[in-house]
């Protein structure tokens, strides 16, 4: 899920979801993992560098979500999520 450039909300809501909206979409899709993207790529909004990652971590903690389902990667990190579980 794209998690970047969502401030100021009055303007950016047309282009980007904020953290709460992205997590809601993740839940509605029934996805296995939430892998935030673009949050460190470009400075497009008013939030400071790295803020979306910190905001997501705060949201996970405040809502009591399973942190193992959220894969906040370092820049350049490769993540092996393995095969999908059998249905």
N, C-alpha and C. Protein backbone atom coordinates (compact mmCIF):
# COMPACT_ATOMS: atom_id res chain seq x y z
N UNK A 1 0.85 -1.17 0.00
CA UNK A 1 0.00 0.00 0.00
C UNK A 1 0.89 1.23 0.00
N UNK A 2 0.54 2.18 -0.83
CA UNK A 2 1.28 3.44 -0.85
C UNK A 2 0.95 4.20 0.44
N UNK A 3 1.98 4.59 1.15
CA UNK A 3 1.80 5.29 2.42
C UNK A 3 2.72 6.49 2.46
N UNK A 4 2.44 7.46 1.65
CA UNK A 4 3.29 8.64 1.60
C UNK A 4 2.49 9.86 1.16
N UNK A 5 3.01 11.01 1.46
CA UNK A 5 2.47 12.30 1.00
C UNK A 5 0.97 12.41 1.24
N UNK A 6 0.57 12.34 2.51
CA UNK A 6 -0.85 12.46 2.81
C UNK A 6 -1.19 13.69 3.63
N UNK A 7 -0.23 14.59 3.82
CA UNK A 7 -0.47 15.86 4.50
C UNK A 7 -0.11 17.01 3.57
N UNK A 8 -0.83 18.07 3.47
CA UNK A 8 -2.07 18.37 4.19
C UNK A 8 -3.23 17.56 3.64
N UNK A 9 -4.05 17.07 4.54
CA UNK A 9 -5.13 16.15 4.18
C UNK A 9 -6.15 16.79 3.24
N UNK A 10 -6.45 18.07 3.43
CA UNK A 10 -7.47 18.73 2.60
C UNK A 10 -7.11 18.68 1.12
N UNK A 11 -5.83 18.61 0.82
CA UNK A 11 -5.36 18.59 -0.57
C UNK A 11 -4.96 17.19 -1.03
N UNK A 12 -4.23 16.47 -0.19
CA UNK A 12 -3.64 15.19 -0.59
C UNK A 12 -4.64 14.03 -0.58
N UNK A 13 -5.80 14.20 0.03
CA UNK A 13 -6.75 13.07 0.07
C UNK A 13 -7.24 12.68 -1.32
N UNK A 14 -7.09 13.56 -2.29
CA UNK A 14 -7.48 13.22 -3.66
C UNK A 14 -6.51 12.22 -4.29
N UNK A 15 -5.24 12.26 -3.89
CA UNK A 15 -4.22 11.42 -4.49
C UNK A 15 -3.80 10.23 -3.64
N UNK A 16 -3.72 10.41 -2.32
CA UNK A 16 -3.13 9.38 -1.45
C UNK A 16 -3.98 9.11 -0.23
N UNK A 17 -3.98 7.85 0.18
CA UNK A 17 -4.60 7.46 1.44
C UNK A 17 -3.67 7.81 2.58
N UNK A 18 -4.23 8.12 3.74
CA UNK A 18 -3.40 8.25 4.93
C UNK A 18 -3.25 6.86 5.56
N UNK A 19 -2.56 6.77 6.67
CA UNK A 19 -2.29 5.47 7.29
C UNK A 19 -3.60 4.76 7.67
N UNK A 20 -4.51 5.47 8.28
CA UNK A 20 -5.77 4.86 8.70
C UNK A 20 -6.53 4.30 7.50
N UNK A 21 -6.60 5.05 6.42
CA UNK A 21 -7.29 4.59 5.22
C UNK A 21 -6.59 3.40 4.58
N UNK A 22 -5.25 3.44 4.56
CA UNK A 22 -4.48 2.34 3.97
C UNK A 22 -4.68 1.05 4.76
N UNK A 23 -4.67 1.14 6.08
CA UNK A 23 -4.88 -0.05 6.92
C UNK A 23 -6.31 -0.56 6.75
N UNK A 24 -7.27 0.34 6.61
CA UNK A 24 -8.66 -0.08 6.36
C UNK A 24 -8.74 -0.84 5.03
N UNK A 25 -8.08 -0.33 4.00
CA UNK A 25 -8.06 -1.02 2.71
C UNK A 25 -7.41 -2.39 2.81
N UNK A 26 -6.32 -2.48 3.57
CA UNK A 26 -5.62 -3.74 3.83
C UNK A 26 -6.58 -4.74 4.46
N UNK A 27 -7.33 -4.31 5.46
CA UNK A 27 -8.30 -5.19 6.12
C UNK A 27 -9.41 -5.62 5.16
N UNK A 28 -9.93 -4.66 4.40
CA UNK A 28 -11.03 -4.96 3.49
C UNK A 28 -10.61 -5.93 2.38
N UNK A 29 -9.36 -5.84 1.96
CA UNK A 29 -8.86 -6.75 0.94
C UNK A 29 -8.56 -8.15 1.48
N UNK A 30 -8.43 -8.25 2.80
CA UNK A 30 -8.08 -9.53 3.41
C UNK A 30 -6.66 -9.96 3.07
N UNK A 31 -5.78 -8.98 2.91
CA UNK A 31 -4.40 -9.26 2.53
C UNK A 31 -3.63 -9.93 3.66
N UNK A 32 -2.63 -10.68 3.30
CA UNK A 32 -1.80 -11.41 4.27
C UNK A 32 -0.81 -10.48 4.97
N UNK A 33 -0.20 -9.60 4.19
CA UNK A 33 0.78 -8.66 4.73
C UNK A 33 0.49 -7.25 4.24
N UNK A 34 0.85 -6.29 5.05
CA UNK A 34 0.81 -4.87 4.68
C UNK A 34 2.27 -4.46 4.49
N UNK A 35 2.63 -4.13 3.27
CA UNK A 35 3.99 -3.71 2.97
C UNK A 35 3.92 -2.27 2.46
N UNK A 36 4.23 -1.29 3.33
CA UNK A 36 4.12 0.10 2.91
C UNK A 36 5.16 0.43 1.84
N UNK A 37 4.73 1.22 0.86
CA UNK A 37 5.62 1.59 -0.24
C UNK A 37 5.70 3.10 -0.35
N UNK A 38 6.73 3.56 -0.97
CA UNK A 38 6.94 4.95 -1.33
C UNK A 38 7.18 5.88 -0.15
N UNK A 39 7.13 5.42 1.08
CA UNK A 39 7.19 6.32 2.22
C UNK A 39 8.55 7.00 2.41
N UNK A 40 9.58 6.53 1.78
CA UNK A 40 10.87 7.18 1.88
C UNK A 40 11.43 7.62 0.54
N UNK A 41 10.60 7.56 -0.50
CA UNK A 41 11.11 7.80 -1.85
C UNK A 41 11.21 9.28 -2.22
N UNK A 42 10.16 10.03 -2.00
CA UNK A 42 10.12 11.42 -2.42
C UNK A 42 9.49 12.28 -1.34
N UNK A 43 9.90 13.51 -1.26
CA UNK A 43 9.27 14.46 -0.34
C UNK A 43 8.22 15.23 -1.12
N UNK A 44 6.98 14.78 -1.01
CA UNK A 44 5.88 15.39 -1.77
C UNK A 44 4.88 16.10 -0.89
N UNK A 45 4.71 15.66 0.32
CA UNK A 45 3.72 16.25 1.23
C UNK A 45 4.40 17.08 2.30
N UNK A 46 3.63 17.45 3.30
CA UNK A 46 4.15 18.27 4.40
C UNK A 46 4.69 17.46 5.56
N UNK A 47 4.46 16.13 5.57
CA UNK A 47 4.97 15.34 6.68
C UNK A 47 6.50 15.23 6.56
N UNK A 48 7.20 15.19 7.71
CA UNK A 48 8.66 15.08 7.67
C UNK A 48 9.13 13.73 7.14
N UNK A 49 10.36 13.67 6.68
CA UNK A 49 10.96 12.43 6.17
C UNK A 49 10.83 11.33 7.23
N UNK A 50 10.40 10.15 6.81
CA UNK A 50 10.27 9.02 7.72
C UNK A 50 8.99 9.00 8.53
N UNK A 51 8.20 10.07 8.48
CA UNK A 51 6.99 10.15 9.30
C UNK A 51 5.99 9.04 9.01
N UNK A 52 5.70 8.71 7.73
CA UNK A 52 4.71 7.66 7.49
C UNK A 52 5.05 6.33 8.16
N UNK A 53 6.32 5.95 8.17
CA UNK A 53 6.71 4.72 8.85
C UNK A 53 6.45 4.79 10.34
N UNK A 54 6.78 5.92 10.95
CA UNK A 54 6.52 6.11 12.37
C UNK A 54 5.02 6.18 12.67
N UNK A 55 4.28 6.84 11.78
CA UNK A 55 2.83 6.94 11.94
C UNK A 55 2.19 5.56 11.85
N UNK A 56 2.67 4.73 10.94
CA UNK A 56 2.15 3.36 10.82
C UNK A 56 2.45 2.56 12.08
N UNK A 57 3.66 2.66 12.59
CA UNK A 57 4.01 1.93 13.83
C UNK A 57 3.11 2.37 14.99
N UNK A 58 2.84 3.67 15.10
CA UNK A 58 1.97 4.19 16.15
C UNK A 58 0.55 3.63 15.97
N UNK A 59 0.08 3.62 14.73
CA UNK A 59 -1.27 3.11 14.43
C UNK A 59 -1.39 1.63 14.80
N UNK A 60 -0.38 0.85 14.47
CA UNK A 60 -0.37 -0.58 14.81
C UNK A 60 -0.49 -0.77 16.31
N UNK A 61 0.31 -0.01 17.05
CA UNK A 61 0.32 -0.13 18.52
C UNK A 61 -1.00 0.36 19.12
N UNK A 62 -1.47 1.53 18.69
CA UNK A 62 -2.70 2.10 19.25
C UNK A 62 -3.92 1.23 18.98
N UNK A 63 -3.95 0.52 17.86
CA UNK A 63 -5.11 -0.30 17.50
C UNK A 63 -4.96 -1.75 17.92
N UNK A 64 -3.80 -2.10 18.50
CA UNK A 64 -3.58 -3.48 18.94
C UNK A 64 -3.52 -4.46 17.79
N UNK A 65 -2.97 -4.02 16.65
CA UNK A 65 -2.87 -4.87 15.47
C UNK A 65 -1.66 -5.79 15.58
N UNK A 66 -1.66 -6.88 14.84
CA UNK A 66 -0.56 -7.84 14.84
C UNK A 66 0.62 -7.25 14.06
N UNK A 67 1.70 -6.86 14.73
CA UNK A 67 2.83 -6.23 14.03
C UNK A 67 3.52 -7.15 13.04
N UNK A 68 3.36 -8.47 13.18
CA UNK A 68 3.99 -9.40 12.24
C UNK A 68 3.37 -9.35 10.84
N UNK A 69 2.18 -8.77 10.74
CA UNK A 69 1.52 -8.65 9.43
C UNK A 69 1.94 -7.38 8.69
N UNK A 70 2.70 -6.52 9.35
CA UNK A 70 3.14 -5.25 8.77
C UNK A 70 4.64 -5.31 8.56
N UNK A 71 5.07 -5.20 7.33
CA UNK A 71 6.48 -5.34 6.97
C UNK A 71 7.03 -3.97 6.55
N UNK A 72 7.54 -3.23 7.51
CA UNK A 72 8.11 -1.91 7.23
C UNK A 72 9.58 -2.10 6.94
N UNK A 73 9.91 -2.03 5.67
CA UNK A 73 11.26 -2.38 5.22
C UNK A 73 12.18 -1.15 5.22
N UNK A 74 13.47 -1.42 5.39
CA UNK A 74 14.48 -0.39 5.23
C UNK A 74 14.68 -0.13 3.74
N UNK A 75 15.17 1.03 3.40
CA UNK A 75 15.44 1.36 2.01
C UNK A 75 16.43 0.35 1.44
N UNK A 76 16.07 -0.26 0.31
CA UNK A 76 16.91 -1.26 -0.34
C UNK A 76 16.75 -2.67 0.19
N UNK A 77 15.97 -2.85 1.23
CA UNK A 77 15.78 -4.18 1.82
C UNK A 77 14.97 -5.07 0.89
N UNK A 78 15.33 -6.34 0.85
CA UNK A 78 14.59 -7.36 0.11
C UNK A 78 13.89 -8.24 1.13
N UNK A 79 12.63 -8.50 0.90
CA UNK A 79 11.83 -9.26 1.84
C UNK A 79 11.27 -10.51 1.18
N UNK A 80 11.61 -11.65 1.73
CA UNK A 80 11.06 -12.92 1.24
C UNK A 80 9.84 -13.24 2.08
N UNK A 81 8.67 -13.19 1.47
CA UNK A 81 7.45 -13.47 2.22
C UNK A 81 7.00 -14.92 2.05
N UNK A 82 7.74 -15.68 1.26
CA UNK A 82 7.43 -17.10 1.11
C UNK A 82 6.19 -17.34 0.29
N UNK A 83 5.84 -18.59 0.10
CA UNK A 83 4.67 -18.91 -0.71
C UNK A 83 3.38 -18.59 0.05
N UNK A 84 2.32 -18.39 -0.70
CA UNK A 84 1.02 -18.16 -0.10
C UNK A 84 0.56 -19.44 0.59
N UNK A 85 -0.15 -19.31 1.71
CA UNK A 85 -0.64 -20.52 2.38
C UNK A 85 -1.68 -21.23 1.52
N UNK A 86 -1.73 -22.54 1.66
CA UNK A 86 -2.71 -23.34 0.91
C UNK A 86 -4.12 -22.99 1.41
N UNK A 87 -5.05 -22.92 0.49
CA UNK A 87 -6.42 -22.59 0.92
C UNK A 87 -7.29 -23.80 1.01
